[in-house]
Amino acid sequence: MAKITQLSQLDVNRTYSYADYLTWQFSEMVELIRGKISLMSPAPNVRHQGVSINLSSLLHGYFKHKKCRVYAAPFDVRLYDRKKSILASQDIHTVVQPDLCVICNRELLDEQGCNGAPDWIIEIVSKGSMQKDLKIKYQLYQESGVIEYWLVYPYESMIHQFVLDQNGHYQLKAMYVSPDTVSSHLFPELAVDLKEVFESFDDD
């Protein structure tokens, strides 16, 4: 299969697979949403990156000697309906790069990233990503079986915590605002101090 070195070589109306995605060698960051090309937002701003690093540090410290692993973007996660078994590259049409994800089933991990739904995904919402994070990815993560989904709002110092119910639909478990402490649904002993997460930003 021919290598793709320019985004302009792609047809935005075509449906692509993960096998196609692997041939792309251009500088632009993209995700694949149900086979359609989705451009990533411009490089994250200082506040976004600061919150991401603070969360990464807290989660890395907690999971350091545990079974589960934490990964930060850029990190490819291939998604499909949770009712299906692991698919081949040509049968996968969604590849996303969550800001943070926690994966406990190491069989999902390979050299390219994660082949299947992480247990927990965290997206840091920006103006450019709001529709994607709140609607498109919300639906994708629900469909693929991501058990816990956090939406982090860096300017509001706020988190919305969603958890899959027994019918496979997200329910808003709670909303938190700094200086609240958030307990993960999957890892209740993990307490996330939002004052630490949004440290140095609350007074901006």
N, C-alpha and C. Protein backbone atom coordinates (compact mmCIF):
# COMPACT_ATOMS: atom_id res chain seq x y z
N MET A 1 0.85 -1.20 0.00
CA MET A 1 0.00 0.00 0.00
C MET A 1 0.89 1.25 0.00
N ALA A 2 0.55 2.22 -0.86
CA ALA A 2 1.37 3.41 -1.02
C ALA A 2 1.36 4.25 0.27
N LYS A 3 2.52 4.85 0.55
CA LYS A 3 2.63 5.72 1.72
C LYS A 3 1.98 7.07 1.41
N ILE A 4 1.34 7.63 2.42
CA ILE A 4 0.69 8.94 2.29
C ILE A 4 1.53 9.94 3.08
N THR A 5 2.08 10.94 2.40
CA THR A 5 2.96 11.91 3.05
C THR A 5 2.34 13.30 3.17
N GLN A 6 1.19 13.51 2.54
CA GLN A 6 0.52 14.80 2.61
C GLN A 6 -0.96 14.57 2.93
N LEU A 7 -1.48 15.36 3.87
CA LEU A 7 -2.90 15.25 4.20
C LEU A 7 -3.76 15.49 2.97
N SER A 8 -3.29 16.33 2.07
CA SER A 8 -4.04 16.66 0.86
C SER A 8 -4.23 15.46 -0.08
N GLN A 9 -3.45 14.39 0.14
CA GLN A 9 -3.59 13.18 -0.67
C GLN A 9 -4.84 12.37 -0.30
N LEU A 10 -5.43 12.68 0.84
CA LEU A 10 -6.57 11.92 1.32
C LEU A 10 -7.89 12.53 0.86
N ASP A 11 -8.87 11.69 0.70
CA ASP A 11 -10.22 12.11 0.31
C ASP A 11 -11.08 12.18 1.57
N VAL A 12 -11.48 13.39 1.96
CA VAL A 12 -12.23 13.56 3.21
C VAL A 12 -13.60 12.86 3.16
N ASN A 13 -14.07 12.51 1.98
CA ASN A 13 -15.36 11.85 1.84
C ASN A 13 -15.25 10.33 1.87
N ARG A 14 -14.04 9.83 1.85
CA ARG A 14 -13.83 8.39 1.85
C ARG A 14 -13.86 7.83 3.26
N THR A 15 -14.20 6.57 3.39
CA THR A 15 -14.15 5.87 4.67
C THR A 15 -12.84 5.09 4.75
N TYR A 16 -12.03 5.39 5.79
CA TYR A 16 -10.73 4.76 5.94
C TYR A 16 -10.74 3.77 7.11
N SER A 17 -9.76 2.88 7.10
CA SER A 17 -9.59 1.90 8.18
C SER A 17 -8.27 2.17 8.90
N TYR A 18 -8.07 1.45 9.98
CA TYR A 18 -6.81 1.57 10.71
C TYR A 18 -5.64 1.12 9.85
N ALA A 19 -5.87 0.17 8.96
CA ALA A 19 -4.81 -0.27 8.04
C ALA A 19 -4.36 0.91 7.17
N ASP A 20 -5.31 1.72 6.72
CA ASP A 20 -4.96 2.93 5.96
C ASP A 20 -4.19 3.90 6.84
N TYR A 21 -4.69 4.12 8.03
CA TYR A 21 -4.10 5.06 9.00
C TYR A 21 -2.61 4.78 9.22
N LEU A 22 -2.26 3.50 9.22
CA LEU A 22 -0.86 3.11 9.47
C LEU A 22 0.08 3.53 8.35
N THR A 23 -0.47 3.84 7.18
CA THR A 23 0.37 4.25 6.05
C THR A 23 0.58 5.76 5.99
N TRP A 24 -0.11 6.51 6.84
CA TRP A 24 -0.04 7.96 6.78
C TRP A 24 1.21 8.47 7.47
N GLN A 25 1.98 9.28 6.76
CA GLN A 25 3.24 9.79 7.28
C GLN A 25 3.35 11.31 7.12
N PHE A 26 2.28 12.00 7.44
CA PHE A 26 2.32 13.46 7.38
C PHE A 26 2.42 14.03 8.78
N SER A 27 2.70 15.33 8.86
CA SER A 27 2.96 15.95 10.16
C SER A 27 1.69 16.28 10.94
N GLU A 28 0.57 16.46 10.27
CA GLU A 28 -0.67 16.81 10.95
C GLU A 28 -1.15 15.65 11.84
N MET A 29 -1.70 16.01 13.00
CA MET A 29 -2.25 15.01 13.91
C MET A 29 -3.73 14.82 13.59
N VAL A 30 -4.13 13.59 13.35
CA VAL A 30 -5.53 13.30 13.04
C VAL A 30 -6.02 12.12 13.86
N GLU A 31 -7.33 12.06 14.00
CA GLU A 31 -7.99 10.89 14.54
C GLU A 31 -8.90 10.34 13.45
N LEU A 32 -9.29 9.10 13.62
CA LEU A 32 -10.20 8.46 12.66
C LEU A 32 -11.49 8.17 13.42
N ILE A 33 -12.58 8.81 13.01
CA ILE A 33 -13.86 8.66 13.69
C ILE A 33 -14.85 7.97 12.75
N ARG A 34 -15.14 6.72 13.04
CA ARG A 34 -16.04 5.93 12.19
C ARG A 34 -15.62 5.99 10.73
N GLY A 35 -14.31 5.93 10.51
CA GLY A 35 -13.77 5.89 9.16
C GLY A 35 -13.51 7.24 8.53
N LYS A 36 -13.91 8.32 9.18
CA LYS A 36 -13.74 9.66 8.63
C LYS A 36 -12.58 10.37 9.33
N ILE A 37 -11.84 11.15 8.56
CA ILE A 37 -10.69 11.88 9.09
C ILE A 37 -11.18 13.02 9.97
N SER A 38 -10.59 13.12 11.16
CA SER A 38 -10.93 14.20 12.08
C SER A 38 -9.63 14.87 12.53
N LEU A 39 -9.47 16.12 12.14
CA LEU A 39 -8.26 16.85 12.51
C LEU A 39 -8.24 17.12 14.00
N MET A 40 -7.07 16.98 14.60
CA MET A 40 -6.91 17.30 16.00
C MET A 40 -6.93 18.82 16.16
N SER A 41 -7.26 19.27 17.36
CA SER A 41 -7.21 20.70 17.66
C SER A 41 -5.77 21.19 17.58
N PRO A 42 -5.55 22.49 17.43
CA PRO A 42 -4.19 23.02 17.46
C PRO A 42 -3.48 22.62 18.75
N ALA A 43 -2.17 22.78 18.79
CA ALA A 43 -1.39 22.39 19.96
C ALA A 43 -2.02 22.92 21.24
N PRO A 44 -2.15 22.06 22.27
CA PRO A 44 -2.79 22.48 23.53
C PRO A 44 -2.11 23.69 24.14
N ASN A 45 -2.91 24.55 24.80
CA ASN A 45 -2.34 25.73 25.43
C ASN A 45 -1.72 25.40 26.78
N VAL A 46 -1.16 26.41 27.41
CA VAL A 46 -0.41 26.21 28.66
C VAL A 46 -1.29 25.62 29.75
N ARG A 47 -2.51 26.14 29.88
CA ARG A 47 -3.40 25.65 30.93
C ARG A 47 -3.75 24.17 30.71
N HIS A 48 -4.10 23.83 29.47
CA HIS A 48 -4.41 22.44 29.13
C HIS A 48 -3.24 21.53 29.47
N GLN A 49 -2.05 21.92 29.06
CA GLN A 49 -0.88 21.09 29.30
C GLN A 49 -0.55 21.00 30.79
N GLY A 50 -0.73 22.09 31.51
CA GLY A 50 -0.46 22.06 32.94
C GLY A 50 -1.38 21.11 33.67
N VAL A 51 -2.68 21.15 33.33
CA VAL A 51 -3.65 20.25 33.95
C VAL A 51 -3.34 18.80 33.56
N SER A 52 -2.97 18.58 32.30
CA SER A 52 -2.63 17.24 31.84
C SER A 52 -1.44 16.67 32.61
N ILE A 53 -0.41 17.49 32.79
CA ILE A 53 0.78 17.03 33.51
C ILE A 53 0.45 16.75 34.97
N ASN A 54 -0.34 17.61 35.59
CA ASN A 54 -0.71 17.39 36.99
C ASN A 54 -1.50 16.10 37.16
N LEU A 55 -2.46 15.86 36.27
CA LEU A 55 -3.23 14.62 36.34
C LEU A 55 -2.35 13.40 36.05
N SER A 56 -1.50 13.52 35.05
CA SER A 56 -0.59 12.42 34.70
C SER A 56 0.29 12.04 35.89
N SER A 57 0.81 13.05 36.56
CA SER A 57 1.68 12.80 37.71
C SER A 57 0.94 12.09 38.83
N LEU A 58 -0.28 12.55 39.12
CA LEU A 58 -1.08 11.93 40.18
C LEU A 58 -1.42 10.48 39.85
N LEU A 59 -1.83 10.23 38.61
CA LEU A 59 -2.21 8.88 38.21
C LEU A 59 -1.00 7.96 38.12
N HIS A 60 0.10 8.49 37.58
CA HIS A 60 1.32 7.68 37.48
C HIS A 60 1.78 7.23 38.86
N GLY A 61 1.74 8.14 39.83
CA GLY A 61 2.15 7.78 41.18
C GLY A 61 1.27 6.70 41.77
N TYR A 62 -0.03 6.78 41.49
CA TYR A 62 -0.95 5.80 42.06
C TYR A 62 -0.78 4.42 41.42
N PHE A 63 -0.64 4.38 40.09
CA PHE A 63 -0.60 3.10 39.38
C PHE A 63 0.82 2.54 39.20
N LYS A 64 1.82 3.21 39.72
CA LYS A 64 3.21 2.84 39.47
C LYS A 64 3.50 1.37 39.73
N HIS A 65 3.01 0.83 40.81
CA HIS A 65 3.31 -0.56 41.16
C HIS A 65 2.06 -1.44 41.09
N LYS A 66 1.11 -1.03 40.25
CA LYS A 66 -0.13 -1.78 40.11
C LYS A 66 -0.26 -2.38 38.71
N LYS A 67 -1.27 -3.20 38.55
CA LYS A 67 -1.49 -3.91 37.29
C LYS A 67 -1.81 -2.95 36.13
N CYS A 68 -2.60 -1.93 36.41
CA CYS A 68 -3.07 -1.03 35.36
C CYS A 68 -1.96 -0.07 34.93
N ARG A 69 -2.08 0.43 33.72
CA ARG A 69 -1.09 1.36 33.16
C ARG A 69 -1.78 2.64 32.70
N VAL A 70 -1.05 3.75 32.84
CA VAL A 70 -1.54 5.06 32.43
C VAL A 70 -0.79 5.50 31.18
N TYR A 71 -1.52 6.02 30.19
CA TYR A 71 -0.90 6.52 28.97
C TYR A 71 -1.47 7.90 28.64
N ALA A 72 -0.61 8.76 28.13
CA ALA A 72 -1.00 10.12 27.77
C ALA A 72 -0.83 10.32 26.27
N ALA A 73 -1.62 11.22 25.70
CA ALA A 73 -1.51 11.54 24.28
C ALA A 73 -0.13 12.11 23.96
N PRO A 74 0.38 11.81 22.74
CA PRO A 74 -0.25 11.03 21.68
C PRO A 74 -0.10 9.52 21.91
N PHE A 75 -1.22 8.82 21.92
CA PHE A 75 -1.26 7.38 22.15
C PHE A 75 -2.51 6.85 21.45
N ASP A 76 -2.33 5.99 20.46
CA ASP A 76 -3.45 5.52 19.65
C ASP A 76 -4.30 4.49 20.38
N VAL A 77 -5.59 4.74 20.40
CA VAL A 77 -6.57 3.80 20.96
C VAL A 77 -7.55 3.44 19.85
N ARG A 78 -7.60 2.15 19.51
CA ARG A 78 -8.51 1.66 18.47
C ARG A 78 -9.81 1.20 19.13
N LEU A 79 -10.92 1.73 18.65
CA LEU A 79 -12.20 1.44 19.27
C LEU A 79 -13.17 0.78 18.30
N TYR A 80 -14.04 -0.06 18.86
CA TYR A 80 -15.12 -0.68 18.10
C TYR A 80 -16.17 -1.14 19.10
N ASP A 81 -17.31 -1.57 18.60
CA ASP A 81 -18.41 -1.99 19.46
C ASP A 81 -17.93 -3.07 20.43
N ARG A 82 -18.21 -2.89 21.71
CA ARG A 82 -17.72 -3.82 22.73
C ARG A 82 -18.30 -5.22 22.58
N LYS A 83 -19.35 -5.37 21.78
CA LYS A 83 -19.95 -6.69 21.57
C LYS A 83 -19.12 -7.54 20.62
N LYS A 84 -18.14 -6.90 19.97
CA LYS A 84 -17.29 -7.61 19.01
C LYS A 84 -15.96 -7.96 19.66
N SER A 85 -15.32 -9.02 19.17
CA SER A 85 -14.00 -9.39 19.66
C SER A 85 -12.96 -8.51 19.00
N ILE A 86 -11.68 -8.65 19.39
CA ILE A 86 -10.61 -7.84 18.81
C ILE A 86 -10.60 -8.00 17.29
N LEU A 87 -10.53 -6.87 16.60
CA LEU A 87 -10.62 -6.85 15.15
C LEU A 87 -9.25 -6.66 14.49
N ALA A 88 -9.17 -7.07 13.24
CA ALA A 88 -7.97 -6.82 12.44
C ALA A 88 -7.95 -5.36 12.01
N SER A 89 -6.76 -4.89 11.63
CA SER A 89 -6.58 -3.47 11.30
C SER A 89 -7.55 -2.97 10.22
N GLN A 90 -7.80 -3.81 9.21
CA GLN A 90 -8.66 -3.37 8.11
C GLN A 90 -10.13 -3.30 8.52
N ASP A 91 -10.46 -3.86 9.68
CA ASP A 91 -11.85 -3.85 10.15
C ASP A 91 -12.11 -2.81 11.23
N ILE A 92 -11.08 -2.05 11.57
CA ILE A 92 -11.20 -1.01 12.59
C ILE A 92 -11.29 0.34 11.90
N HIS A 93 -12.28 1.15 12.29
CA HIS A 93 -12.49 2.44 11.61
C HIS A 93 -12.48 3.63 12.57
N THR A 94 -12.11 3.39 13.83
CA THR A 94 -12.01 4.48 14.78
C THR A 94 -10.69 4.39 15.55
N VAL A 95 -9.90 5.46 15.46
CA VAL A 95 -8.63 5.56 16.20
C VAL A 95 -8.60 6.94 16.85
N VAL A 96 -8.55 6.97 18.16
CA VAL A 96 -8.55 8.24 18.88
C VAL A 96 -7.29 8.35 19.74
N GLN A 97 -7.02 9.57 20.18
CA GLN A 97 -5.88 9.83 21.06
C GLN A 97 -6.36 10.59 22.30
N PRO A 98 -6.87 9.86 23.29
CA PRO A 98 -7.36 10.53 24.50
C PRO A 98 -6.23 11.26 25.21
N ASP A 99 -6.58 12.30 25.95
CA ASP A 99 -5.56 13.01 26.72
C ASP A 99 -4.90 12.07 27.72
N LEU A 100 -5.70 11.26 28.40
CA LEU A 100 -5.18 10.27 29.35
C LEU A 100 -6.07 9.04 29.31
N CYS A 101 -5.49 7.88 29.48
CA CYS A 101 -6.30 6.67 29.60
C CYS A 101 -5.62 5.67 30.53
N VAL A 102 -6.45 4.86 31.18
CA VAL A 102 -5.96 3.82 32.08
C VAL A 102 -6.42 2.48 31.52
N ILE A 103 -5.47 1.56 31.37
CA ILE A 103 -5.74 0.25 30.77
C ILE A 103 -5.29 -0.83 31.75
N CYS A 104 -6.22 -1.70 32.12
CA CYS A 104 -5.90 -2.76 33.07
C CYS A 104 -5.71 -4.12 32.40
N ASN A 105 -6.32 -4.31 31.24
CA ASN A 105 -6.16 -5.56 30.49
C ASN A 105 -4.97 -5.41 29.55
N ARG A 106 -3.83 -5.93 29.95
CA ARG A 106 -2.61 -5.71 29.15
C ARG A 106 -2.63 -6.46 27.82
N GLU A 107 -3.57 -7.39 27.67
CA GLU A 107 -3.68 -8.09 26.39
C GLU A 107 -4.13 -7.13 25.28
N LEU A 108 -4.70 -5.99 25.65
CA LEU A 108 -5.12 -5.00 24.66
C LEU A 108 -3.95 -4.18 24.11
N LEU A 109 -2.83 -4.24 24.79
CA LEU A 109 -1.68 -3.41 24.42
C LEU A 109 -0.80 -4.12 23.39
N ASP A 110 -0.35 -3.36 22.40
CA ASP A 110 0.63 -3.85 21.45
C ASP A 110 1.57 -2.71 21.09
N GLU A 111 2.42 -2.90 20.12
CA GLU A 111 3.41 -1.88 19.77
C GLU A 111 2.77 -0.59 19.28
N GLN A 112 1.57 -0.67 18.72
CA GLN A 112 0.91 0.51 18.16
C GLN A 112 0.06 1.28 19.17
N GLY A 113 -0.24 0.67 20.31
CA GLY A 113 -1.08 1.34 21.29
C GLY A 113 -2.04 0.38 21.95
N CYS A 114 -3.32 0.74 21.98
CA CYS A 114 -4.35 -0.06 22.64
C CYS A 114 -5.37 -0.52 21.61
N ASN A 115 -5.61 -1.82 21.54
CA ASN A 115 -6.58 -2.39 20.61
C ASN A 115 -7.83 -2.79 21.38
N GLY A 116 -8.70 -1.82 21.63
CA GLY A 116 -9.89 -2.04 22.42
C GLY A 116 -10.09 -0.91 23.42
N ALA A 117 -11.13 -1.01 24.20
CA ALA A 117 -11.52 0.08 25.09
C ALA A 117 -10.69 0.11 26.37
N PRO A 118 -10.06 1.24 26.70
CA PRO A 118 -9.45 1.41 28.02
C PRO A 118 -10.54 1.34 29.09
N ASP A 119 -10.13 1.12 30.32
CA ASP A 119 -11.10 1.10 31.43
C ASP A 119 -11.57 2.51 31.77
N TRP A 120 -10.67 3.47 31.63
CA TRP A 120 -10.95 4.84 32.08
C TRP A 120 -10.29 5.80 31.10
N ILE A 121 -11.05 6.78 30.65
CA ILE A 121 -10.51 7.81 29.75
C ILE A 121 -10.79 9.18 30.34
N ILE A 122 -9.80 10.06 30.22
CA ILE A 122 -9.93 11.45 30.65
C ILE A 122 -9.65 12.35 29.46
N GLU A 123 -10.59 13.22 29.14
CA GLU A 123 -10.39 14.22 28.09
C GLU A 123 -10.41 15.61 28.72
N ILE A 124 -9.43 16.43 28.38
CA ILE A 124 -9.36 17.81 28.86
C ILE A 124 -9.99 18.69 27.78
N VAL A 125 -11.10 19.28 28.12
CA VAL A 125 -11.92 19.99 27.14
C VAL A 125 -11.36 21.37 26.82
N SER A 126 -11.23 21.63 25.52
CA SER A 126 -10.85 22.96 25.06
C SER A 126 -11.96 23.48 24.16
N LYS A 127 -11.90 24.75 23.83
CA LYS A 127 -12.94 25.32 22.98
C LYS A 127 -13.02 24.58 21.65
N GLY A 128 -11.86 24.22 21.11
CA GLY A 128 -11.84 23.55 19.82
C GLY A 128 -12.26 22.09 19.86
N SER A 129 -12.21 21.47 21.04
CA SER A 129 -12.53 20.04 21.14
C SER A 129 -13.87 19.77 21.81
N MET A 130 -14.58 20.82 22.19
CA MET A 130 -15.77 20.64 23.04
C MET A 130 -16.82 19.74 22.39
N GLN A 131 -17.17 20.01 21.15
CA GLN A 131 -18.20 19.20 20.50
C GLN A 131 -17.75 17.75 20.37
N LYS A 132 -16.49 17.56 20.03
CA LYS A 132 -15.98 16.19 19.88
C LYS A 132 -15.98 15.45 21.21
N ASP A 133 -15.50 16.11 22.27
CA ASP A 133 -15.39 15.45 23.57
C ASP A 133 -16.75 15.18 24.21
N LEU A 134 -17.67 16.16 24.08
CA LEU A 134 -18.96 16.05 24.76
C LEU A 134 -19.99 15.23 24.00
N LYS A 135 -19.81 15.09 22.71
CA LYS A 135 -20.81 14.38 21.92
C LYS A 135 -20.22 13.18 21.18
N ILE A 136 -19.28 13.43 20.28
CA ILE A 136 -18.79 12.35 19.43
C ILE A 136 -18.02 11.31 20.24
N LYS A 137 -17.04 11.76 21.03
CA LYS A 137 -16.27 10.80 21.81
C LYS A 137 -17.09 10.19 22.94
N TYR A 138 -17.98 10.98 23.51
CA TYR A 138 -18.90 10.46 24.53
C TYR A 138 -19.63 9.22 23.98
N GLN A 139 -20.15 9.33 22.77
CA GLN A 139 -20.88 8.22 22.16
C GLN A 139 -19.96 7.06 21.82
N LEU A 140 -18.77 7.37 21.30
CA LEU A 140 -17.82 6.32 20.97
C LEU A 140 -17.37 5.55 22.21
N TYR A 141 -17.05 6.28 23.26
CA TYR A 141 -16.57 5.63 24.47
C TYR A 141 -17.67 4.80 25.12
N GLN A 142 -18.90 5.29 25.07
CA GLN A 142 -20.03 4.54 25.60
C GLN A 142 -20.23 3.26 24.80
N GLU A 143 -20.22 3.37 23.48
CA GLU A 143 -20.45 2.23 22.59
C GLU A 143 -19.37 1.17 22.74
N SER A 144 -18.13 1.60 22.92
CA SER A 144 -17.01 0.65 22.97
C SER A 144 -16.80 0.06 24.36
N GLY A 145 -17.46 0.64 25.39
CA GLY A 145 -17.38 0.05 26.71
C GLY A 145 -16.35 0.64 27.64
N VAL A 146 -15.97 1.91 27.45
CA VAL A 146 -15.09 2.59 28.39
C VAL A 146 -15.91 2.82 29.67
N ILE A 147 -15.53 2.19 30.75
CA ILE A 147 -16.37 2.17 31.95
C ILE A 147 -16.50 3.55 32.59
N GLU A 148 -15.40 4.26 32.69
CA GLU A 148 -15.41 5.57 33.36
C GLU A 148 -14.84 6.63 32.42
N TYR A 149 -15.54 7.75 32.33
CA TYR A 149 -15.14 8.83 31.43
C TYR A 149 -15.21 10.15 32.18
N TRP A 150 -14.07 10.84 32.23
CA TRP A 150 -14.01 12.16 32.88
C TRP A 150 -13.85 13.23 31.82
N LEU A 151 -14.64 14.28 31.94
CA LEU A 151 -14.47 15.49 31.15
C LEU A 151 -13.92 16.56 32.09
N VAL A 152 -12.75 17.05 31.76
CA VAL A 152 -12.06 18.03 32.61
C VAL A 152 -12.11 19.39 31.93
N TYR A 153 -12.60 20.38 32.67
CA TYR A 153 -12.73 21.74 32.15
C TYR A 153 -11.67 22.62 32.82
N PRO A 154 -10.56 22.88 32.14
CA PRO A 154 -9.43 23.58 32.79
C PRO A 154 -9.72 25.02 33.19
N TYR A 155 -10.58 25.73 32.45
CA TYR A 155 -10.85 27.12 32.79
C TYR A 155 -11.88 27.25 33.92
N GLU A 156 -12.74 26.25 34.05
CA GLU A 156 -13.73 26.26 35.12
C GLU A 156 -13.26 25.50 36.36
N SER A 157 -12.09 24.86 36.26
CA SER A 157 -11.55 24.02 37.35
C SER A 157 -12.59 23.01 37.80
N MET A 158 -13.15 22.29 36.82
CA MET A 158 -14.30 21.43 37.07
C MET A 158 -14.14 20.10 36.34
N ILE A 159 -14.75 19.05 36.91
CA ILE A 159 -14.75 17.72 36.30
C ILE A 159 -16.17 17.15 36.30
N HIS A 160 -16.57 16.56 35.17
CA HIS A 160 -17.80 15.78 35.08
C HIS A 160 -17.39 14.31 35.00
N GLN A 161 -17.96 13.49 35.86
CA GLN A 161 -17.61 12.08 35.94
C GLN A 161 -18.77 11.22 35.45
N PHE A 162 -18.55 10.49 34.35
CA PHE A 162 -19.56 9.60 33.79
C PHE A 162 -19.15 8.14 34.01
N VAL A 163 -20.15 7.29 34.28
CA VAL A 163 -19.91 5.87 34.52
C VAL A 163 -20.96 5.06 33.76
N LEU A 164 -20.54 3.97 33.11
CA LEU A 164 -21.49 3.11 32.42
C LEU A 164 -22.42 2.42 33.41
N ASP A 165 -23.72 2.40 33.10
CA ASP A 165 -24.65 1.67 33.94
C ASP A 165 -24.77 0.23 33.43
N GLN A 166 -25.65 -0.56 34.05
CA GLN A 166 -25.77 -1.97 33.69
C GLN A 166 -26.33 -2.17 32.29
N ASN A 167 -26.91 -1.14 31.72
CA ASN A 167 -27.43 -1.22 30.35
C ASN A 167 -26.44 -0.68 29.32
N GLY A 168 -25.23 -0.31 29.79
CA GLY A 168 -24.21 0.17 28.87
C GLY A 168 -24.36 1.61 28.46
N HIS A 169 -25.07 2.40 29.27
CA HIS A 169 -25.24 3.82 28.98
C HIS A 169 -24.56 4.65 30.06
N TYR A 170 -23.99 5.77 29.65
CA TYR A 170 -23.34 6.64 30.62
C TYR A 170 -24.36 7.34 31.51
N GLN A 171 -24.03 7.39 32.78
CA GLN A 171 -24.79 8.19 33.74
C GLN A 171 -23.82 9.19 34.37
N LEU A 172 -24.28 10.41 34.54
CA LEU A 172 -23.46 11.41 35.21
C LEU A 172 -23.44 11.09 36.70
N LYS A 173 -22.33 10.58 37.16
CA LYS A 173 -22.23 10.19 38.57
C LYS A 173 -22.10 11.40 39.48
N ALA A 174 -21.27 12.36 39.05
CA ALA A 174 -21.07 13.55 39.89
C ALA A 174 -20.38 14.64 39.10
N MET A 175 -20.49 15.87 39.62
CA MET A 175 -19.76 17.02 39.10
C MET A 175 -18.93 17.58 40.25
N TYR A 176 -17.69 17.90 39.96
CA TYR A 176 -16.78 18.38 41.00
C TYR A 176 -16.15 19.69 40.56
N VAL A 177 -15.91 20.56 41.53
CA VAL A 177 -15.25 21.84 41.29
C VAL A 177 -14.15 22.01 42.33
N SER A 178 -13.00 22.51 41.90
CA SER A 178 -11.90 22.77 42.83
C SER A 178 -12.38 23.67 43.97
N PRO A 179 -12.06 23.34 45.24
CA PRO A 179 -11.06 22.38 45.72
C PRO A 179 -11.63 21.03 46.15
N ASP A 180 -12.67 20.52 45.46
CA ASP A 180 -13.22 19.20 45.80
C ASP A 180 -12.16 18.11 45.62
N THR A 181 -12.44 16.96 46.21
CA THR A 181 -11.64 15.76 45.98
C THR A 181 -12.50 14.75 45.25
N VAL A 182 -11.99 14.22 44.15
CA VAL A 182 -12.73 13.27 43.32
C VAL A 182 -12.26 11.86 43.61
N SER A 183 -13.20 10.94 43.80
CA SER A 183 -12.88 9.52 43.92
C SER A 183 -13.26 8.82 42.63
N SER A 184 -12.32 8.09 42.07
CA SER A 184 -12.61 7.34 40.86
C SER A 184 -13.63 6.25 41.16
N HIS A 185 -14.54 6.01 40.22
CA HIS A 185 -15.52 4.93 40.37
C HIS A 185 -14.82 3.58 40.35
N LEU A 186 -13.89 3.40 39.43
CA LEU A 186 -13.19 2.12 39.29
C LEU A 186 -12.16 1.90 40.38
N PHE A 187 -11.58 2.98 40.85
CA PHE A 187 -10.52 2.89 41.85
C PHE A 187 -10.87 3.81 43.02
N PRO A 188 -11.84 3.41 43.84
CA PRO A 188 -12.37 4.30 44.89
C PRO A 188 -11.33 4.75 45.91
N GLU A 189 -10.26 3.98 46.04
CA GLU A 189 -9.21 4.39 46.98
C GLU A 189 -8.32 5.48 46.41
N LEU A 190 -8.48 5.76 45.12
CA LEU A 190 -7.73 6.85 44.48
C LEU A 190 -8.50 8.15 44.66
N ALA A 191 -7.96 9.05 45.41
CA ALA A 191 -8.58 10.35 45.65
C ALA A 191 -7.79 11.42 44.90
N VAL A 192 -8.45 12.14 44.03
CA VAL A 192 -7.81 13.16 43.21
C VAL A 192 -8.18 14.53 43.77
N ASP A 193 -7.21 15.22 44.31
CA ASP A 193 -7.40 16.55 44.88
C ASP A 193 -7.40 17.57 43.74
N LEU A 194 -8.55 18.17 43.47
CA LEU A 194 -8.63 19.10 42.35
C LEU A 194 -7.81 20.36 42.56
N LYS A 195 -7.54 20.68 43.80
CA LYS A 195 -6.67 21.83 44.06
C LYS A 195 -5.29 21.56 43.48
N GLU A 196 -4.84 20.30 43.55
CA GLU A 196 -3.55 19.92 42.96
C GLU A 196 -3.64 19.87 41.44
N VAL A 197 -4.75 19.38 40.93
CA VAL A 197 -4.92 19.26 39.48
C VAL A 197 -4.88 20.63 38.82
N PHE A 198 -5.59 21.59 39.42
CA PHE A 198 -5.68 22.93 38.84
C PHE A 198 -4.71 23.91 39.52
N GLU A 199 -3.74 23.39 40.22
CA GLU A 199 -2.77 24.22 40.92
C GLU A 199 -2.11 25.22 39.98
N SER A 200 -1.99 26.44 40.45
CA SER A 200 -1.38 27.59 39.74
C SER A 200 -2.29 28.19 38.70
N PHE A 201 -3.47 27.57 38.48
CA PHE A 201 -4.40 28.13 37.50
C PHE A 201 -5.61 28.78 38.15
N ASP A 202 -5.96 28.36 39.35
CA ASP A 202 -7.19 28.86 39.98
C ASP A 202 -7.16 30.38 40.22
N ASP A 203 -5.96 30.95 40.33
CA ASP A 203 -5.85 32.38 40.62
C ASP A 203 -5.55 33.23 39.40
N ASP A 204 -5.53 32.56 38.20
CA ASP A 204 -5.21 33.32 36.97
C ASP A 204 -6.31 34.33 36.64
